[in-house]
Amino acid sequence: MQPDSAYPPSIRARVHHDAIERVSRFFNATLDDIFVELLQNARRASATAIHVATAPLTADRWSVTVSDDGAGIPDPAIVLSFGESAWSTQTASLEDPAGIGFYALAKHGCAIASRPLSDAAPAPAWRAQICPNAFLGKSPAPVLPDDTAPTPHGTAITFITERNPDSVESSLASCARHFPLPVHFNGRELTFQYFLDRAIYTETWRGLTFGIYRNEYRPYPDPDVNFHGRTFKAGLPTLECITGGVWSVRAHIRACPEFELVLPARKEPVVNNFLRSMRREALLAIYRAIAAQETRPRLSYGHHKRAADAGIRIQQLPPALEPWRPPVADIDHWHAPPGWDALRPSALIMAAEPETHHGQAIWRAAQKARMAHRLFAPDRRLEGYAWYDSLPRVTDFSIDVTHGGRTHTVVEPLQNDAPTASDAVPAEPFKFDARPDAIAIRLHVSESGDHVRDLEIPADVIFMNDEDCYVDDIDPLVTAGSDIDADELAELIHRSFFTPSDDADADSHETQKSRFDEEAMRIALSLLASEDEGLRHVIHQAIWREVLWVMPRDRKVDIAVANGKVSVSLGPAPDCERVPA
């Protein structure tokens, strides 16, 4: 269908006059914005140094003058020419200046004095007072001769702020920290730091330099790219090794025309094919840095393969894994990881995930059988390494209890594939009226191929209840020949079941722990101790909890109870030192 003849035959991009009226919103007009733009302009003008000075105007207003010895501005009209710049062809091709950075001063207004570089030095200078309306195109800015402009050439820009000199210096120092030229504030040179300072490895790529760091913490969003003193976050990768810390990368832009910034504020990079390639190459730079180290970290298989595919050979460390430790019920209980151990020929990966109370029972049995050192924790980051994939692993377990000549399976394998009727009722757990003769934990070990074998470990303690039961329902099963004492069993109950509540109306963690441990000891004593031992413990705990706090700490107290009568006797009070009159 042909378009209506009232429509134009073609359209072309244009800049509407409303864009100029909104130009003051292109920047936040903060001191950081202003200093960044003025410093960059001075650098592009081939300045060798920049001087910033403040002067008081009133009690709460100061003037700020930024002067440089660059090439000056040959045509005053360029200052207010939106999108136009007079930079050299080389500068324009390397940095893609937008020609609108000066508009960071649009809300403030400013006075500008400039003396262009000329063969006949000093060249004539000019001055213009540019008010906010002039930036918006609503009024002209007269241009006058000015003999006070920098000599023999350069530019000086003055604006007014309500920020005091200390605040001005702080903002300027932040902008000048990685800026490639000397910056002075009120006559004193500010500190410069090379952006890739402390890098342990550097390499160049397409007009920029990567610097690699190891275990250097930087809070988000700490910048990872420096563009001629302007820094920002570009999403360069970090690599968290299995062992060997965290490796990160920074980039220092030198002459990289493919690296583009989002206009107008130029505070973030354009996400284009170059940036994506830059991120990929930054990761390869980390790999090369790791390969160059004498002490290499342990990489996941994925990173090791990506490095190898890129032709970067990182020597593998000898096979090692973190030893397996059973989980504890208290998620707030922190303990240091056991570290990494070299693998033994008999190593087993504990790929099964037993519930907490079963895991504690398995660990105790493995320790008593002197085979706990064979159990290692799985680590999916290592999947793909031939040595890891070939290790036998515990994929499941079951528990058998023998008593009175009969053996019962009290914990079935989780992966039991036996068919069950859809309406089948779960079997009631076995109840034992006495301590059993034997307990056997069977670890189902999967080896290469489909071969599965059982590894039987004798145990002396298991729990017959569910993991999330109340403390009153905890049901330990201890063999008749076990050497476990009440303290050990109470501690095992604590590790297996104590989970503090964080509800607003709950007691403190310590109070909850104390009460749970009392009940755990009661359970242990009722199973292992004589009636008298259990009674002595209950009385002791009652006195410790309810009576001890009222007793004098410096005197002996004897309490006797007989036939419902209580008698108390106090030992002698300690002698008091006589104080001279």
Foldseek 3Di string as FASTA:
>chain_A
DDDDPVDDPDDDDDDDLVCLQCLLVQAPLDLLLLLLLVLVVQVLLVFQEKEWEWDDDDPQKIKIKIKTFGQWDPDVVLLLPQQDDDGDPLCCQQAVARSSSSSSCLQFWKKKKWFGDDPPWQHWIKIWGGHNCCSSVNDPIDIGTDPPADPSTIMMMMTMDRDDLVVSVVSNLLQQQDAPHFYHYNRHTHHHDPPLPPFPDWDDDQQKIKGKDFPDDDDPPDFQEQENSQTAHAPADKAQFPPRGIMGMHMYGGGHSVWAADDDSRHYTDPDPVSVVVSVVNLLRNLQSQQPDPDHTAHFPVSCVVNVVVVRHRDHDADKFFQDDAAFQAPPDDDDGPDIDHADPLAAEAQARDARQVRLQVCVLCVVVVNSRRYGYDDVSHPPPPVNVQHKYQHWKWKWFAAPNDIDTQGDTPPDPDDDDPPDDDDDGDDDPAAGAWMKMWGWIQGPDRDIDTDITTTFKGWNDDQADDLVPTHIHGHPPDPDALVRQLVSCNRRHDYADPDPPGDDPVVSSVVSSLSSSLVSCVRHHDPVVSVVSVVVVCCVVPPPVPDDPQWDWDWDADPRDIDIDIHDGDDDDDDDD
